């Protein structure tokens, strides 16, 4: 039981710095707004060529 209390107590503490959090948020925004649209374009282009399961162009 003491182990569980210790773990629950640990979860209440900050395990990341403000700077670390800000860096992760910035990376997430970049991935969603820059990387994801580019990947989506490539997948849509490859899908337009035919069956995705046999399309070698899907290898990005």
N, C-alpha and C. Protein backbone atom coordinates (compact mmCIF):
# COMPACT_ATOMS: atom_id res chain seq x y z
N UNK A 1 0.83 -1.20 0.00
CA UNK A 1 0.00 0.00 0.00
C UNK A 1 0.87 1.25 0.00
N UNK A 2 1.99 1.23 0.73
CA UNK A 2 2.88 2.39 0.75
C UNK A 2 3.41 2.69 -0.64
N UNK A 3 3.67 1.64 -1.43
CA UNK A 3 4.16 1.82 -2.79
C UNK A 3 3.15 2.60 -3.62
N UNK A 4 1.89 2.26 -3.51
CA UNK A 4 0.85 2.93 -4.29
C UNK A 4 0.73 4.39 -3.90
N UNK A 5 0.83 4.67 -2.62
CA UNK A 5 0.76 6.05 -2.15
C UNK A 5 1.93 6.84 -2.70
N UNK A 6 3.12 6.24 -2.71
CA UNK A 6 4.30 6.91 -3.24
C UNK A 6 4.11 7.24 -4.73
N UNK A 7 3.61 6.28 -5.49
CA UNK A 7 3.40 6.49 -6.93
C UNK A 7 2.37 7.59 -7.15
N UNK A 8 1.28 7.55 -6.42
CA UNK A 8 0.27 8.59 -6.57
C UNK A 8 0.81 9.95 -6.19
N UNK A 9 1.64 10.00 -5.17
CA UNK A 9 2.25 11.26 -4.78
C UNK A 9 3.19 11.77 -5.85
N UNK A 10 3.90 10.88 -6.50
CA UNK A 10 4.83 11.26 -7.57
C UNK A 10 4.08 11.87 -8.74
N UNK A 11 2.92 11.35 -9.04
CA UNK A 11 2.16 11.84 -10.19
C UNK A 11 1.67 13.27 -9.99
N UNK A 12 1.63 13.74 -8.77
CA UNK A 12 1.20 15.11 -8.51
C UNK A 12 2.32 16.12 -8.74
N UNK A 13 3.56 15.65 -8.81
CA UNK A 13 4.67 16.58 -8.98
C UNK A 13 4.91 16.85 -10.46
N UNK A 14 5.59 17.96 -10.74
CA UNK A 14 5.95 18.30 -12.12
C UNK A 14 7.11 17.43 -12.56
N UNK A 15 6.91 16.70 -13.65
CA UNK A 15 7.96 15.83 -14.16
C UNK A 15 8.61 16.43 -15.40
N UNK A 16 8.25 17.66 -15.73
CA UNK A 16 8.82 18.33 -16.89
C UNK A 16 8.93 19.82 -16.56
N UNK A 17 9.97 20.43 -17.06
CA UNK A 17 10.15 21.86 -16.81
C UNK A 17 9.24 22.65 -17.73
N UNK A 18 9.05 23.91 -17.44
CA UNK A 18 8.25 24.80 -18.28
C UNK A 18 8.88 24.88 -19.68
N UNK A 19 10.21 24.96 -19.73
CA UNK A 19 10.90 25.01 -21.02
C UNK A 19 10.67 23.73 -21.80
N UNK A 20 10.77 22.59 -21.13
CA UNK A 20 10.53 21.31 -21.79
C UNK A 20 9.11 21.22 -22.32
N UNK A 21 8.16 21.68 -21.54
CA UNK A 21 6.76 21.69 -21.96
C UNK A 21 6.59 22.58 -23.19
N UNK A 22 7.16 23.76 -23.14
CA UNK A 22 7.04 24.69 -24.26
C UNK A 22 7.66 24.12 -25.54
N UNK A 23 8.79 23.42 -25.39
CA UNK A 23 9.42 22.80 -26.56
C UNK A 23 8.53 21.70 -27.14
N UNK A 24 7.91 20.90 -26.28
CA UNK A 24 7.01 19.85 -26.76
C UNK A 24 5.78 20.43 -27.45
N UNK A 25 5.23 21.49 -26.90
CA UNK A 25 4.07 22.13 -27.51
C UNK A 25 4.44 22.71 -28.87
N UNK A 26 5.61 23.33 -28.96
CA UNK A 26 6.07 23.89 -30.24
C UNK A 26 6.27 22.79 -31.27
N UNK A 27 6.84 21.66 -30.85
CA UNK A 27 7.04 20.54 -31.77
C UNK A 27 5.70 19.98 -32.24
N UNK A 28 4.75 19.85 -31.34
CA UNK A 28 3.43 19.35 -31.70
C UNK A 28 2.76 20.27 -32.73
N UNK A 29 2.85 21.57 -32.51
CA UNK A 29 2.27 22.53 -33.46
C UNK A 29 2.94 22.42 -34.82
N UNK A 30 4.27 22.28 -34.83
CA UNK A 30 5.01 22.15 -36.08
C UNK A 30 4.58 20.88 -36.81
N UNK A 31 4.47 19.78 -36.08
CA UNK A 31 4.08 18.52 -36.70
C UNK A 31 2.68 18.61 -37.30
N UNK A 32 1.75 19.22 -36.59
CA UNK A 32 0.38 19.33 -37.08
C UNK A 32 0.24 20.31 -38.24
N UNK A 33 0.97 21.42 -38.19
CA UNK A 33 0.76 22.48 -39.17
C UNK A 33 1.74 22.46 -40.34
N UNK A 34 2.86 21.77 -40.21
CA UNK A 34 3.84 21.71 -41.29
C UNK A 34 4.04 20.30 -41.82
N UNK A 35 4.38 19.37 -40.94
CA UNK A 35 4.69 18.00 -41.37
C UNK A 35 3.44 17.25 -41.84
N UNK A 36 2.38 17.29 -41.04
CA UNK A 36 1.19 16.51 -41.36
C UNK A 36 0.58 16.89 -42.71
N UNK A 37 0.41 18.17 -43.02
CA UNK A 37 -0.14 18.51 -44.34
C UNK A 37 0.74 18.00 -45.49
N UNK A 38 2.04 18.04 -45.32
CA UNK A 38 2.95 17.55 -46.37
C UNK A 38 2.80 16.04 -46.56
N UNK A 39 2.74 15.31 -45.48
CA UNK A 39 2.55 13.85 -45.56
C UNK A 39 1.19 13.53 -46.18
N UNK A 40 0.17 14.28 -45.79
CA UNK A 40 -1.17 14.07 -46.34
C UNK A 40 -1.17 14.27 -47.85
N UNK A 41 -0.47 15.29 -48.33
CA UNK A 41 -0.37 15.52 -49.77
C UNK A 41 0.27 14.33 -50.47
N UNK A 42 1.35 13.80 -49.89
CA UNK A 42 2.05 12.67 -50.50
C UNK A 42 1.18 11.42 -50.52
N UNK A 43 0.47 11.16 -49.44
CA UNK A 43 -0.40 9.99 -49.38
C UNK A 43 -1.55 10.13 -50.38
N UNK A 44 -2.13 11.32 -50.47
CA UNK A 44 -3.21 11.54 -51.43
C UNK A 44 -2.71 11.37 -52.86
N UNK A 45 -1.52 11.87 -53.14
CA UNK A 45 -0.93 11.71 -54.48
C UNK A 45 -0.74 10.24 -54.80
N UNK A 46 -0.16 9.50 -53.86
CA UNK A 46 0.07 8.07 -54.07
C UNK A 46 -1.25 7.33 -54.23
N UNK A 47 -2.26 7.70 -53.45
CA UNK A 47 -3.56 7.04 -53.54
C UNK A 47 -4.21 7.31 -54.89
N UNK A 48 -3.94 8.47 -55.45
CA UNK A 48 -4.54 8.79 -56.75
C UNK A 48 -3.98 7.91 -57.87
N UNK A 49 -2.85 7.27 -57.63
CA UNK A 49 -2.23 6.41 -58.63
C UNK A 49 -2.86 5.02 -58.67
N UNK A 50 -3.64 4.68 -57.68
CA UNK A 50 -4.30 3.37 -57.68
C UNK A 50 -4.36 2.74 -56.31
N UNK A 51 -4.35 1.41 -56.31
CA UNK A 51 -4.48 0.62 -55.09
C UNK A 51 -3.31 0.90 -54.15
N UNK A 52 -3.62 1.40 -52.97
CA UNK A 52 -2.57 1.75 -52.01
C UNK A 52 -1.74 0.56 -51.55
N UNK A 53 -2.36 -0.60 -51.45
CA UNK A 53 -1.64 -1.76 -50.92
C UNK A 53 -0.53 -2.23 -51.85
N UNK A 54 -0.63 -1.93 -53.13
CA UNK A 54 0.38 -2.38 -54.08
C UNK A 54 1.16 -1.22 -54.69
N UNK A 55 1.04 -0.05 -54.09
CA UNK A 55 1.64 1.14 -54.68
C UNK A 55 2.99 1.42 -54.02
N UNK A 56 4.06 1.22 -54.74
CA UNK A 56 5.40 1.43 -54.20
C UNK A 56 5.66 2.90 -53.87
N UNK A 57 4.94 3.80 -54.49
CA UNK A 57 5.13 5.23 -54.24
C UNK A 57 4.66 5.65 -52.86
N UNK A 58 3.96 4.78 -52.15
CA UNK A 58 3.54 5.12 -50.79
C UNK A 58 4.72 5.12 -49.82
N UNK A 59 5.83 4.50 -50.19
CA UNK A 59 7.01 4.51 -49.33
C UNK A 59 7.60 5.91 -49.41
N UNK A 60 7.42 6.66 -48.33
CA UNK A 60 7.81 8.08 -48.33
C UNK A 60 9.22 8.27 -47.91
